[in-house]
């Protein structure tokens, strides 16, 4: 059993964060000795799981739902939805990286020429996303037209 300060130190959190997680129901109410909170090792494991979920992009509300329904079909559905969000974010970051790499290596004389070159490179690197090919292509054509018109 450990006091809140020790748990906070081991978890790398402030004591106030631990109390906040208790209020939100993410941590069970701890035992009290002489009016002070004391925790067992399971609290540290739970805090590690919360931290992992936060690093994966889950909000505290989503973590509450995960914790209250673990492991059910709704939990799995939430995890699948979050995985799709992460994959979409990764795809956007990949495109942004390609664009920035293109800008840094283009050697163009004006912005319009650079924009066309970047678009070509992005198209060459971007894997099509299921169900979004037409939308992505039309969005790129719109950007190309805007670049060509000098917008």
N, C-alpha and C. Protein backbone atom coordinates (compact mmCIF):
# COMPACT_ATOMS: atom_id res chain seq x y z
N UNK A 1 0.85 -1.18 0.00
CA UNK A 1 0.00 0.00 0.00
C UNK A 1 0.90 1.24 0.00
N UNK A 2 0.47 2.25 -0.77
CA UNK A 2 1.28 3.46 -0.87
C UNK A 2 0.39 4.70 -0.79
N UNK A 3 0.91 5.77 -0.22
CA UNK A 3 0.15 7.02 -0.17
C UNK A 3 0.08 7.67 -1.55
N UNK A 4 -0.79 8.65 -1.68
CA UNK A 4 -1.02 9.29 -2.98
C UNK A 4 0.26 9.91 -3.55
N UNK A 5 1.10 10.48 -2.71
CA UNK A 5 2.34 11.10 -3.20
C UNK A 5 3.27 10.08 -3.85
N UNK A 6 3.37 8.92 -3.24
CA UNK A 6 4.22 7.87 -3.81
C UNK A 6 3.64 7.35 -5.12
N UNK A 7 2.33 7.15 -5.16
CA UNK A 7 1.67 6.71 -6.39
C UNK A 7 1.90 7.74 -7.50
N UNK A 8 1.73 9.01 -7.14
CA UNK A 8 1.92 10.08 -8.12
C UNK A 8 3.34 10.06 -8.68
N UNK A 9 4.31 9.91 -7.81
CA UNK A 9 5.71 9.88 -8.23
C UNK A 9 5.98 8.68 -9.14
N UNK A 10 5.49 7.52 -8.76
CA UNK A 10 5.70 6.31 -9.58
C UNK A 10 5.00 6.42 -10.93
N UNK A 11 3.84 7.07 -10.96
CA UNK A 11 3.07 7.19 -12.20
C UNK A 11 3.51 8.39 -13.04
N UNK A 12 4.32 9.28 -12.46
CA UNK A 12 4.74 10.47 -13.18
C UNK A 12 3.63 11.50 -13.33
N UNK A 13 2.74 11.55 -12.33
CA UNK A 13 1.60 12.47 -12.35
C UNK A 13 1.60 13.34 -11.11
N UNK A 14 0.79 14.37 -11.14
CA UNK A 14 0.57 15.18 -9.95
C UNK A 14 -0.51 14.50 -9.11
N UNK A 15 -0.45 14.68 -7.82
CA UNK A 15 -1.48 14.11 -6.94
C UNK A 15 -2.86 14.61 -7.32
N UNK A 16 -2.93 15.86 -7.76
CA UNK A 16 -4.23 16.42 -8.16
C UNK A 16 -4.81 15.67 -9.36
N UNK A 17 -3.97 15.19 -10.26
CA UNK A 17 -4.46 14.41 -11.41
C UNK A 17 -5.07 13.10 -10.93
N UNK A 18 -4.44 12.48 -9.96
CA UNK A 18 -4.97 11.22 -9.43
C UNK A 18 -6.33 11.46 -8.77
N UNK A 19 -6.44 12.53 -7.99
CA UNK A 19 -7.74 12.85 -7.37
C UNK A 19 -8.79 13.15 -8.45
N UNK A 20 -8.38 13.83 -9.51
CA UNK A 20 -9.29 14.13 -10.62
C UNK A 20 -9.77 12.84 -11.28
N UNK A 21 -8.86 11.91 -11.54
CA UNK A 21 -9.24 10.63 -12.13
C UNK A 21 -10.21 9.88 -11.22
N UNK A 22 -10.04 9.99 -9.92
CA UNK A 22 -10.98 9.35 -8.98
C UNK A 22 -12.36 9.97 -9.13
N UNK A 23 -12.41 11.31 -9.18
CA UNK A 23 -13.71 12.00 -9.31
C UNK A 23 -14.41 11.61 -10.60
N UNK A 24 -13.66 11.41 -11.66
CA UNK A 24 -14.24 11.03 -12.95
C UNK A 24 -14.59 9.55 -13.02
N UNK A 25 -14.16 8.79 -12.02
CA UNK A 25 -14.46 7.36 -12.01
C UNK A 25 -13.45 6.50 -12.74
N UNK A 26 -12.34 7.09 -13.15
CA UNK A 26 -11.30 6.31 -13.84
C UNK A 26 -10.50 5.46 -12.87
N UNK A 27 -10.41 5.91 -11.64
CA UNK A 27 -9.76 5.14 -10.57
C UNK A 27 -10.80 4.87 -9.49
N UNK A 28 -10.80 3.67 -8.93
CA UNK A 28 -11.75 3.41 -7.85
C UNK A 28 -11.35 4.20 -6.59
N UNK A 29 -12.32 4.48 -5.76
CA UNK A 29 -12.04 5.18 -4.51
C UNK A 29 -11.06 4.33 -3.69
N UNK A 30 -9.99 4.95 -3.22
CA UNK A 30 -8.99 4.17 -2.49
C UNK A 30 -9.39 3.95 -1.03
N UNK A 31 -8.70 3.01 -0.46
CA UNK A 31 -8.81 2.79 0.98
C UNK A 31 -8.27 4.03 1.69
N UNK A 32 -8.71 4.24 2.91
CA UNK A 32 -8.17 5.37 3.68
C UNK A 32 -7.64 4.84 5.00
N UNK A 33 -6.50 5.38 5.35
CA UNK A 33 -5.89 5.07 6.65
C UNK A 33 -5.60 6.40 7.32
N UNK A 34 -6.18 6.59 8.48
CA UNK A 34 -6.05 7.86 9.20
C UNK A 34 -6.46 9.03 8.32
N UNK A 35 -7.49 8.81 7.50
CA UNK A 35 -8.02 9.86 6.65
C UNK A 35 -7.25 10.09 5.36
N UNK A 36 -6.17 9.36 5.15
CA UNK A 36 -5.34 9.55 3.95
C UNK A 36 -5.57 8.42 2.95
N UNK A 37 -5.53 8.79 1.69
CA UNK A 37 -5.69 7.78 0.64
C UNK A 37 -4.46 6.87 0.59
N UNK A 38 -4.72 5.59 0.45
CA UNK A 38 -3.64 4.62 0.23
C UNK A 38 -4.05 3.71 -0.93
N UNK A 39 -3.08 3.38 -1.76
CA UNK A 39 -3.33 2.64 -2.99
C UNK A 39 -2.50 1.37 -3.03
N UNK A 40 -3.03 0.38 -3.75
CA UNK A 40 -2.23 -0.82 -3.98
C UNK A 40 -1.67 -0.75 -5.41
N UNK A 41 -0.94 -1.77 -5.80
CA UNK A 41 -0.28 -1.77 -7.11
C UNK A 41 -1.26 -1.72 -8.28
N UNK A 42 -2.51 -2.16 -8.04
CA UNK A 42 -3.47 -2.14 -9.14
C UNK A 42 -3.77 -0.71 -9.60
N UNK A 43 -3.68 0.25 -8.70
CA UNK A 43 -3.89 1.65 -9.09
C UNK A 43 -2.80 2.11 -10.05
N UNK A 44 -1.58 1.70 -9.80
CA UNK A 44 -0.47 2.05 -10.68
C UNK A 44 -0.68 1.43 -12.07
N UNK A 45 -1.13 0.18 -12.11
CA UNK A 45 -1.40 -0.49 -13.39
C UNK A 45 -2.53 0.22 -14.13
N UNK A 46 -3.55 0.63 -13.40
CA UNK A 46 -4.68 1.34 -14.03
C UNK A 46 -4.22 2.70 -14.58
N UNK A 47 -3.38 3.40 -13.83
CA UNK A 47 -2.85 4.68 -14.32
C UNK A 47 -1.99 4.48 -15.57
N UNK A 48 -1.26 3.38 -15.61
CA UNK A 48 -0.46 3.08 -16.80
C UNK A 48 -1.37 2.86 -18.00
N UNK A 49 -2.48 2.15 -17.80
CA UNK A 49 -3.43 1.90 -18.89
C UNK A 49 -4.07 3.22 -19.34
N UNK A 50 -4.39 4.09 -18.41
CA UNK A 50 -4.97 5.40 -18.75
C UNK A 50 -3.96 6.21 -19.57
N UNK A 51 -2.72 6.23 -19.12
CA UNK A 51 -1.68 6.95 -19.85
C UNK A 51 -1.48 6.40 -21.25
N UNK A 52 -1.50 5.08 -21.37
CA UNK A 52 -1.36 4.44 -22.67
C UNK A 52 -2.50 4.86 -23.60
N UNK A 53 -3.73 4.85 -23.07
CA UNK A 53 -4.89 5.24 -23.87
C UNK A 53 -4.79 6.71 -24.30
N UNK A 54 -4.33 7.56 -23.40
CA UNK A 54 -4.15 8.97 -23.75
C UNK A 54 -3.11 9.13 -24.85
N UNK A 55 -2.01 8.40 -24.74
CA UNK A 55 -0.97 8.46 -25.78
C UNK A 55 -1.50 7.98 -27.12
N UNK A 56 -2.47 7.06 -27.09
CA UNK A 56 -3.06 6.54 -28.32
C UNK A 56 -4.09 7.50 -28.89
N UNK A 57 -4.37 8.59 -28.18
CA UNK A 57 -5.28 9.60 -28.71
C UNK A 57 -6.68 9.58 -28.14
N UNK A 58 -6.94 8.74 -27.14
CA UNK A 58 -8.26 8.70 -26.54
C UNK A 58 -8.46 9.89 -25.61
N UNK A 59 -9.66 10.44 -25.60
CA UNK A 59 -10.01 11.50 -24.65
C UNK A 59 -10.35 10.85 -23.32
N UNK A 60 -10.41 11.65 -22.26
CA UNK A 60 -10.78 11.08 -20.96
C UNK A 60 -12.19 10.51 -20.99
N UNK A 61 -13.10 11.14 -21.73
CA UNK A 61 -14.46 10.61 -21.85
C UNK A 61 -14.46 9.24 -22.52
N UNK A 62 -13.64 9.10 -23.56
CA UNK A 62 -13.54 7.80 -24.23
C UNK A 62 -12.91 6.77 -23.31
N UNK A 63 -11.92 7.19 -22.53
CA UNK A 63 -11.28 6.26 -21.59
C UNK A 63 -12.28 5.82 -20.53
N UNK A 64 -13.12 6.75 -20.07
CA UNK A 64 -14.17 6.38 -19.11
C UNK A 64 -15.07 5.30 -19.70
N UNK A 65 -15.46 5.49 -20.97
CA UNK A 65 -16.31 4.50 -21.63
C UNK A 65 -15.60 3.17 -21.75
N UNK A 66 -14.32 3.22 -22.15
CA UNK A 66 -13.55 1.98 -22.25
C UNK A 66 -13.49 1.26 -20.90
N UNK A 67 -13.21 2.03 -19.85
CA UNK A 67 -13.06 1.44 -18.52
C UNK A 67 -14.36 0.85 -18.01
N UNK A 68 -15.48 1.50 -18.32
CA UNK A 68 -16.75 1.03 -17.79
C UNK A 68 -17.31 -0.16 -18.55
N UNK A 69 -16.84 -0.38 -19.77
CA UNK A 69 -17.40 -1.44 -20.59
C UNK A 69 -16.37 -2.50 -20.98
N UNK A 70 -15.22 -2.48 -20.39
CA UNK A 70 -14.12 -3.37 -20.76
C UNK A 70 -14.45 -4.81 -20.44
N UNK A 71 -14.18 -5.78 -21.24
CA UNK A 71 -14.05 -5.75 -22.69
C UNK A 71 -15.35 -6.21 -23.33
N UNK A 72 -16.11 -5.32 -23.87
CA UNK A 72 -17.39 -5.66 -24.51
C UNK A 72 -17.33 -5.31 -25.98
N UNK A 73 -18.42 -5.60 -26.68
CA UNK A 73 -18.51 -5.26 -28.09
C UNK A 73 -18.45 -3.75 -28.28
N UNK A 74 -19.08 -2.98 -27.37
CA UNK A 74 -19.03 -1.52 -27.49
C UNK A 74 -17.60 -1.03 -27.31
N UNK A 75 -16.87 -1.68 -26.41
CA UNK A 75 -15.46 -1.32 -26.22
C UNK A 75 -14.69 -1.57 -27.50
N UNK A 76 -14.93 -2.72 -28.08
CA UNK A 76 -14.23 -3.05 -29.33
C UNK A 76 -14.60 -2.08 -30.44
N UNK A 77 -15.87 -1.69 -30.52
CA UNK A 77 -16.31 -0.73 -31.53
C UNK A 77 -15.60 0.61 -31.34
N UNK A 78 -15.47 1.04 -30.09
CA UNK A 78 -14.78 2.29 -29.81
C UNK A 78 -13.31 2.19 -30.21
N UNK A 79 -12.69 1.06 -29.92
CA UNK A 79 -11.28 0.86 -30.28
C UNK A 79 -11.11 0.84 -31.80
N UNK A 80 -12.03 0.22 -32.53
CA UNK A 80 -11.96 0.19 -33.99
C UNK A 80 -12.13 1.60 -34.55
N UNK A 81 -13.06 2.37 -33.98
CA UNK A 81 -13.26 3.76 -34.43
C UNK A 81 -12.01 4.60 -34.19
N UNK A 82 -11.41 4.45 -33.03
CA UNK A 82 -10.21 5.22 -32.71
C UNK A 82 -9.06 4.81 -33.63
N UNK A 83 -8.95 3.54 -33.93
CA UNK A 83 -7.90 3.08 -34.84
C UNK A 83 -8.08 3.71 -36.22
N UNK A 84 -9.30 3.80 -36.69
CA UNK A 84 -9.57 4.44 -37.98
C UNK A 84 -9.17 5.91 -37.94
N UNK A 85 -9.47 6.61 -36.84
CA UNK A 85 -9.08 8.01 -36.68
C UNK A 85 -7.56 8.16 -36.73
N UNK A 86 -6.87 7.26 -36.06
CA UNK A 86 -5.40 7.31 -36.03
C UNK A 86 -4.84 7.06 -37.43
N UNK A 87 -5.40 6.09 -38.15
CA UNK A 87 -4.92 5.81 -39.49
C UNK A 87 -5.16 7.00 -40.42
N UNK A 88 -6.30 7.67 -40.27
CA UNK A 88 -6.58 8.85 -41.09
C UNK A 88 -5.60 9.97 -40.76
N UNK A 89 -5.32 10.16 -39.48
CA UNK A 89 -4.34 11.18 -39.08
C UNK A 89 -2.96 10.86 -39.64
N UNK A 90 -2.59 9.59 -39.60
CA UNK A 90 -1.29 9.18 -40.13
C UNK A 90 -1.20 9.46 -41.63
N UNK A 91 -2.29 9.22 -42.34
CA UNK A 91 -2.31 9.48 -43.79
C UNK A 91 -2.15 10.98 -44.06
N UNK A 92 -2.85 11.82 -43.27
CA UNK A 92 -2.72 13.27 -43.45
C UNK A 92 -1.29 13.72 -43.15
N UNK A 93 -0.69 13.16 -42.10
CA UNK A 93 0.69 13.52 -41.77
C UNK A 93 1.65 13.09 -42.88
N UNK A 94 1.40 11.95 -43.46
CA UNK A 94 2.25 11.47 -44.55
C UNK A 94 2.18 12.42 -45.74
N UNK A 95 0.99 12.89 -46.06
CA UNK A 95 0.84 13.84 -47.16
C UNK A 95 1.55 15.15 -46.81
N UNK A 96 1.37 15.63 -45.59
CA UNK A 96 2.03 16.88 -45.16
C UNK A 96 3.54 16.74 -45.25
N UNK A 97 4.05 15.60 -44.82
CA UNK A 97 5.50 15.36 -44.89
C UNK A 97 5.98 15.40 -46.34
N UNK A 98 5.26 14.73 -47.21
CA UNK A 98 5.64 14.70 -48.62
C UNK A 98 5.63 16.11 -49.21
N UNK A 99 4.62 16.88 -48.84
CA UNK A 99 4.55 18.25 -49.35
C UNK A 99 5.73 19.09 -48.86
N UNK A 100 6.04 18.99 -47.59
CA UNK A 100 7.16 19.76 -47.04
C UNK A 100 8.49 19.32 -47.63
N UNK A 101 8.67 18.02 -47.80
CA UNK A 101 9.89 17.52 -48.43
C UNK A 101 10.00 18.04 -49.85
N UNK A 102 8.87 18.09 -50.54
CA UNK A 102 8.86 18.61 -51.90
C UNK A 102 9.22 20.08 -51.95
N UNK A 103 8.67 20.85 -51.04
CA UNK A 103 8.97 22.28 -50.99
C UNK A 103 10.46 22.50 -50.71
N UNK A 104 11.02 21.72 -49.82
CA UNK A 104 12.43 21.89 -49.47
C UNK A 104 13.38 21.49 -50.59
N UNK A 105 12.92 20.64 -51.50
CA UNK A 105 13.83 20.16 -52.54
C UNK A 105 13.41 20.57 -53.95
N UNK A 106 12.46 21.48 -54.09
CA UNK A 106 11.90 21.74 -55.42
C UNK A 106 12.82 22.55 -56.35
N UNK A 107 13.50 23.56 -55.86
CA UNK A 107 14.33 24.39 -56.72
C UNK A 107 13.55 25.19 -57.76
N UNK A 108 12.29 25.45 -57.49
CA UNK A 108 11.42 26.16 -58.42
C UNK A 108 11.72 27.66 -58.40
N UNK A 109 11.25 28.32 -59.49
CA UNK A 109 11.46 29.77 -59.62
C UNK A 109 10.29 30.58 -59.09
N UNK A 110 9.09 29.98 -59.03
CA UNK A 110 7.94 30.71 -58.49
C UNK A 110 7.02 29.75 -57.76
N UNK A 111 6.07 30.32 -57.04
CA UNK A 111 5.16 29.53 -56.19
C UNK A 111 4.29 28.59 -57.01
N UNK A 112 3.82 29.03 -58.16
CA UNK A 112 2.95 28.21 -58.99
C UNK A 112 3.69 26.95 -59.47
N UNK A 113 4.90 27.13 -59.96
CA UNK A 113 5.70 26.00 -60.41
C UNK A 113 5.94 25.03 -59.25
N UNK A 114 6.25 25.57 -58.09
CA UNK A 114 6.49 24.75 -56.90
C UNK A 114 5.24 23.98 -56.53
N UNK A 115 4.08 24.65 -56.56
CA UNK A 115 2.82 23.99 -56.21
C UNK A 115 2.52 22.82 -57.12
N UNK A 116 2.74 23.00 -58.42
CA UNK A 116 2.49 21.90 -59.36
C UNK A 116 3.41 20.71 -59.07
N UNK A 117 4.67 20.99 -58.80
CA UNK A 117 5.63 19.93 -58.51
C UNK A 117 5.25 19.19 -57.21
N UNK A 118 4.85 19.95 -56.21
CA UNK A 118 4.45 19.34 -54.94
C UNK A 118 3.23 18.45 -55.16
N UNK A 119 2.25 18.93 -55.91
CA UNK A 119 1.05 18.12 -56.18
C UNK A 119 1.41 16.83 -56.90
N UNK A 120 2.30 16.91 -57.87
CA UNK A 120 2.73 15.70 -58.58
C UNK A 120 3.37 14.70 -57.61
N UNK A 121 4.23 15.19 -56.74
CA UNK A 121 4.91 14.31 -55.79
C UNK A 121 3.93 13.70 -54.79
N UNK A 122 2.98 14.50 -54.34
CA UNK A 122 1.99 14.00 -53.38
C UNK A 122 1.16 12.91 -54.03
N UNK A 123 0.72 13.14 -55.27
CA UNK A 123 -0.08 12.14 -55.97
C UNK A 123 0.70 10.84 -56.14
N UNK A 124 1.97 10.95 -56.42
CA UNK A 124 2.81 9.76 -56.63
C UNK A 124 2.99 8.96 -55.34
N UNK A 125 2.99 9.62 -54.20
CA UNK A 125 3.25 8.94 -52.92
C UNK A 125 1.98 8.50 -52.20
N UNK A 126 0.87 9.16 -52.45
CA UNK A 126 -0.35 8.93 -51.67
C UNK A 126 -1.03 7.63 -52.06
N UNK A 127 -1.20 6.72 -51.08
CA UNK A 127 -1.98 5.52 -51.37
C UNK A 127 -3.46 5.90 -51.35
N UNK A 128 -4.27 5.37 -52.27
CA UNK A 128 -5.70 5.72 -52.26
C UNK A 128 -6.37 5.18 -51.01
N UNK A 129 -7.28 5.96 -50.44
CA UNK A 129 -8.03 5.53 -49.27
C UNK A 129 -9.37 4.97 -49.74
N UNK A 130 -9.79 3.83 -49.22
CA UNK A 130 -11.05 3.21 -49.66
C UNK A 130 -12.22 4.18 -49.52
N UNK A 131 -13.00 4.29 -50.59
CA UNK A 131 -14.20 5.10 -50.55
C UNK A 131 -13.95 6.60 -50.66
N UNK A 132 -12.69 7.02 -50.76
CA UNK A 132 -12.41 8.45 -50.81
C UNK A 132 -11.61 8.85 -52.04
N UNK A 133 -11.40 7.92 -52.98
CA UNK A 133 -10.57 8.23 -54.12
C UNK A 133 -11.12 9.40 -54.91
N UNK A 134 -12.40 9.36 -55.22
CA UNK A 134 -13.00 10.42 -56.04
C UNK A 134 -12.94 11.75 -55.31
N UNK A 135 -13.25 11.75 -54.02
CA UNK A 135 -13.23 12.99 -53.26
C UNK A 135 -11.83 13.58 -53.21
N UNK A 136 -10.83 12.74 -52.95
CA UNK A 136 -9.46 13.22 -52.88
C UNK A 136 -9.01 13.76 -54.23
N UNK A 137 -9.35 13.06 -55.31
CA UNK A 137 -8.95 13.51 -56.63
C UNK A 137 -9.61 14.85 -56.96
N UNK A 138 -10.90 14.98 -56.67
CA UNK A 138 -11.57 16.23 -57.00
C UNK A 138 -11.03 17.37 -56.15
N UNK A 139 -10.69 17.09 -54.90
CA UNK A 139 -10.11 18.11 -54.04
C UNK A 139 -8.75 18.56 -54.60
N UNK A 140 -7.95 17.59 -55.05
CA UNK A 140 -6.65 17.94 -55.63
C UNK A 140 -6.81 18.75 -56.92
N UNK A 141 -7.79 18.35 -57.77
CA UNK A 141 -8.02 19.11 -59.00
C UNK A 141 -8.43 20.54 -58.68
N UNK A 142 -9.26 20.70 -57.63
CA UNK A 142 -9.66 22.04 -57.20
C UNK A 142 -8.47 22.85 -56.74
N UNK A 143 -7.57 22.22 -56.01
CA UNK A 143 -6.36 22.92 -55.55
C UNK A 143 -5.46 23.28 -56.73
N UNK A 144 -5.37 22.34 -57.69
CA UNK A 144 -4.55 22.62 -58.88
C UNK A 144 -5.10 23.84 -59.63
N UNK A 145 -6.44 23.86 -59.82
CA UNK A 145 -7.06 24.99 -60.52
C UNK A 145 -6.80 26.28 -59.78
N UNK A 146 -6.94 26.25 -58.44
CA UNK A 146 -6.70 27.45 -57.65
C UNK A 146 -5.25 27.89 -57.78
N UNK A 147 -4.31 26.93 -57.77
CA UNK A 147 -2.90 27.28 -57.93
C UNK A 147 -2.63 27.87 -59.30
N UNK A 148 -3.27 27.29 -60.32
CA UNK A 148 -3.07 27.76 -61.69
C UNK A 148 -3.60 29.19 -61.88
N UNK A 149 -4.67 29.51 -61.14
CA UNK A 149 -5.24 30.86 -61.22
C UNK A 149 -4.52 31.86 -60.33
N UNK A 150 -3.56 31.36 -59.57
CA UNK A 150 -2.78 32.25 -58.72
C UNK A 150 -3.40 32.55 -57.37
N UNK A 151 -4.29 31.70 -56.90
CA UNK A 151 -4.92 31.92 -55.59
C UNK A 151 -4.12 31.32 -54.49
